[in-house]
Protein backbone atom coordinates (compact mmCIF):
# COMPACT_ATOMS: atom_id res chain seq x y z
CA MET A 1 -238.51 -22.76 -91.40
CA PRO A 2 -241.88 -22.70 -89.71
CA ASP A 3 -243.25 -25.78 -88.04
CA VAL A 4 -246.99 -26.02 -88.45
CA LYS A 5 -248.96 -27.46 -85.57
CA GLN A 6 -252.37 -26.71 -84.20
CA THR A 7 -252.15 -25.08 -80.78
CA ASP A 8 -255.48 -23.23 -80.53
CA PRO A 9 -258.33 -25.16 -82.14
CA ASP A 10 -261.00 -22.55 -81.29
CA PRO A 11 -262.54 -21.66 -84.68
CA LYS A 12 -263.34 -18.17 -83.36
CA ASN A 13 -259.65 -17.32 -83.18
CA VAL A 14 -258.82 -17.67 -86.89
CA LEU A 15 -260.64 -16.69 -90.07
CA ASN A 16 -262.31 -19.73 -91.64
CA CYS A 17 -263.42 -20.68 -95.15
CA ASP A 18 -267.12 -19.93 -95.01
CA GLY A 19 -269.05 -19.92 -98.30
CA ALA A 20 -268.08 -16.36 -99.24
CA MET A 21 -264.41 -17.01 -98.50
CA GLN A 22 -264.45 -20.25 -100.50
CA LEU A 23 -265.79 -18.32 -103.50
CA ALA A 24 -263.16 -15.61 -103.03
CA LEU A 25 -260.44 -18.27 -102.83
CA SER A 26 -261.81 -19.89 -106.01
CA GLU A 27 -261.40 -16.61 -107.87
CA LEU A 28 -258.00 -15.86 -106.34
CA LEU A 29 -256.53 -19.27 -107.13
CA ALA A 30 -258.09 -19.82 -110.58
CA PRO A 31 -255.07 -18.34 -112.44
CA TYR A 32 -252.98 -21.16 -110.97
CA GLY A 33 -255.35 -23.86 -112.19
CA LEU A 34 -256.43 -24.72 -108.65
CA VAL A 35 -260.05 -25.77 -108.17
CA ILE A 36 -261.79 -25.45 -104.81
CA GLN A 37 -263.76 -28.52 -103.79
CA PHE A 38 -266.44 -27.67 -101.21
CA ILE A 39 -266.79 -30.27 -98.46
CA SER A 40 -269.74 -30.40 -96.05
CA ASP A 41 -269.31 -29.54 -92.39
CA ALA A 42 -268.91 -33.04 -90.98
CA ALA A 43 -267.11 -34.69 -93.90
CA ILE A 44 -263.52 -35.88 -93.74
CA ILE A 45 -261.35 -33.61 -95.87
CA PRO A 46 -259.70 -35.60 -98.70
CA GLY A 47 -256.00 -34.96 -99.15
CA SER A 48 -255.54 -33.32 -95.75
CA PHE A 49 -252.02 -34.00 -94.50
CA PHE A 50 -252.78 -32.76 -90.98
CA GLY A 51 -256.41 -33.97 -90.83
CA GLU A 52 -259.29 -32.40 -88.91
CA ARG A 53 -260.01 -28.90 -90.26
CA GLU A 54 -256.86 -28.53 -92.36
CA ALA A 55 -257.12 -28.06 -96.14
CA GLY A 56 -256.59 -31.03 -98.41
CA LEU A 57 -254.71 -31.15 -101.69
CA ILE A 58 -254.95 -33.79 -104.41
CA GLY A 59 -253.81 -32.88 -107.89
CA ASN A 60 -255.13 -29.41 -108.67
CA SER A 61 -258.05 -29.76 -106.21
CA LEU A 62 -257.99 -27.88 -102.92
CA TYR A 63 -260.50 -29.35 -100.46
CA LEU A 64 -262.08 -27.02 -97.89
CA ARG A 65 -264.78 -27.22 -95.27
CA PRO A 66 -266.46 -24.14 -93.80
CA ASP A 67 -264.33 -24.60 -90.66
CA THR A 68 -261.03 -24.87 -92.56
CA PRO A 69 -258.79 -21.93 -91.63
CA VAL A 70 -257.98 -19.55 -94.47
CA HIS A 71 -254.29 -19.74 -93.56
CA SER A 72 -254.43 -23.51 -94.13
CA ALA A 73 -256.17 -23.09 -97.50
CA LEU A 74 -253.58 -20.59 -98.69
CA HIS A 75 -250.69 -22.60 -97.27
CA GLU A 76 -251.69 -25.72 -99.21
CA ALA A 77 -252.45 -23.66 -102.33
CA CYS A 78 -249.00 -22.10 -102.11
CA HIS A 79 -247.41 -25.54 -101.87
CA TYR A 80 -249.13 -26.34 -105.17
CA ILE A 81 -247.88 -23.07 -106.70
CA CYS A 82 -244.32 -23.49 -105.41
CA MET A 83 -243.66 -27.15 -106.12
CA SER A 84 -241.94 -28.42 -109.24
CA PRO A 85 -244.12 -29.42 -112.19
CA ASP A 86 -243.16 -33.09 -111.72
CA ARG A 87 -244.25 -33.13 -108.08
CA ARG A 88 -247.39 -31.16 -108.95
CA SER A 89 -248.40 -33.80 -111.52
CA GLN A 90 -248.22 -36.53 -108.85
CA LEU A 91 -249.61 -34.55 -105.92
CA ASP A 92 -251.69 -36.49 -103.42
CA THR A 93 -251.94 -35.18 -99.83
CA ASP A 94 -248.23 -34.74 -98.98
CA ALA A 95 -246.84 -31.64 -100.65
CA GLU A 96 -243.33 -32.51 -99.46
CA GLY A 97 -240.85 -29.74 -100.28
CA ASP A 98 -237.61 -28.65 -98.69
CA PHE A 99 -236.72 -25.89 -96.22
CA ASP A 100 -236.44 -23.19 -98.90
CA GLU A 101 -239.73 -24.11 -100.52
CA GLU A 102 -241.54 -24.13 -97.16
CA ASN A 103 -240.28 -20.61 -96.48
CA GLY A 104 -241.40 -19.54 -99.95
CA VAL A 105 -244.83 -21.05 -99.29
CA CYS A 106 -245.25 -19.08 -96.05
CA TYR A 107 -244.08 -15.86 -97.69
CA LEU A 108 -246.40 -16.30 -100.67
CA GLN A 109 -249.43 -17.09 -98.49
CA ILE A 110 -248.85 -13.76 -96.73
CA LEU A 111 -248.65 -11.92 -100.06
CA LEU A 112 -251.75 -13.66 -101.44
CA SER A 113 -253.74 -12.85 -98.30
CA ASN A 114 -253.67 -9.19 -99.33
CA HIS A 115 -255.96 -10.13 -102.23
CA LEU A 116 -258.74 -11.42 -99.96
CA ALA A 117 -261.33 -9.13 -98.41
CA ASN A 118 -261.44 -9.44 -94.63
CA MET A 119 -258.00 -11.06 -94.55
CA GLY A 120 -254.90 -9.15 -95.56
CA SER A 121 -251.34 -9.81 -94.42
CA ASP A 122 -251.81 -8.52 -90.86
CA ARG A 123 -254.66 -10.93 -90.19
CA MET A 124 -252.84 -13.75 -91.99
CA MET A 125 -249.75 -13.36 -89.82
CA LEU A 126 -251.87 -13.12 -86.67
CA ASP A 127 -253.73 -16.30 -87.62
CA MET A 128 -250.46 -18.07 -88.41
CA ASP A 129 -249.20 -17.18 -84.93
CA ARG A 130 -252.50 -18.16 -83.27
CA TRP A 131 -252.48 -21.54 -85.02
CA GLY A 132 -248.94 -22.32 -83.93
CA TYR A 133 -246.64 -21.70 -86.88
CA SER A 134 -243.26 -21.09 -85.29
CA PHE A 135 -240.56 -18.81 -86.58
CA ARG A 136 -237.11 -18.32 -85.09
CA LEU A 137 -237.79 -14.63 -84.47
CA GLY A 138 -240.93 -15.45 -82.51
CA SER A 139 -243.72 -14.40 -84.86
CA ALA A 140 -244.78 -14.44 -88.48
CA ARG A 141 -244.54 -10.62 -88.61
CA ALA A 142 -240.97 -10.56 -87.24
CA TRP A 143 -239.95 -13.27 -89.72
CA PHE A 144 -241.62 -11.60 -92.70
CA ASP A 145 -240.23 -8.14 -91.91
CA ASN A 146 -236.72 -9.11 -90.77
CA ASP A 147 -235.74 -12.64 -91.76
CA ALA A 148 -237.46 -13.63 -95.00
CA ASP A 149 -235.10 -12.32 -97.67
CA ASP A 150 -234.22 -15.89 -98.63
CA ALA A 151 -237.91 -16.72 -99.16
CA ASN A 152 -238.39 -13.59 -101.27
CA LEU A 153 -235.38 -14.46 -103.44
CA TRP A 154 -236.50 -18.09 -103.77
CA LEU A 155 -239.92 -16.98 -105.07
CA GLN A 156 -238.22 -14.59 -107.51
CA GLN A 157 -235.91 -17.37 -108.73
CA TYR A 158 -238.96 -19.37 -109.84
CA ASP A 159 -240.82 -16.30 -111.23
CA ILE A 160 -243.63 -16.66 -108.69
CA ILE A 161 -243.09 -13.03 -107.64
CA ASN A 162 -241.04 -10.26 -109.23
CA GLN A 163 -238.39 -7.97 -107.72
CA GLU A 164 -241.10 -5.60 -106.46
CA GLN A 165 -242.75 -8.50 -104.56
CA GLN A 166 -245.65 -8.45 -107.01
CA ILE A 167 -247.29 -11.79 -107.65
CA THR A 168 -246.84 -13.05 -111.23
CA TRP A 169 -249.89 -15.34 -111.04
CA GLN A 170 -248.02 -18.33 -112.39
CA CYS A 171 -246.90 -21.59 -110.85
CA ARG A 172 -243.29 -22.65 -110.65
CA LEU A 173 -242.39 -23.90 -114.12
CA ILE A 174 -238.94 -25.43 -113.59
CA ASP A 175 -237.35 -27.90 -111.19
């Protein structure tokens, strides 16, 4: 399971949620019922578990500033998508989740990144590594390519992706 911690806070090293990216994320995440809430540059991000630049999540609202990393936005969105309906209905800041769900979240954020211009899975995995996600094989790419079968199967179990790793565009519906 990846541990998420900020190790390189330089905003030039990861792709951030500027206005165009926030609009692209709004379109990408609309099928899940997620709504992007735009936050001004200096404002505190509501619902941010990690604080600072990290995305916030309260109910079906995903809070982003222009300096929020795209990987953080997709990570929190994927928590929303992957959590049980009961947890989703009570969601406020802490997405919780177990080891298997966290792996599913990371896997799904990589798949979803392929649907964003200027992002894609290669950039997503690079940004995950730059930010300090840690995987037992040493990088997001090594994990995704060689050690993520359990995450893939977990996402299939909840019909979030199909057997061909295609996104179904629906949230987890069962506990």
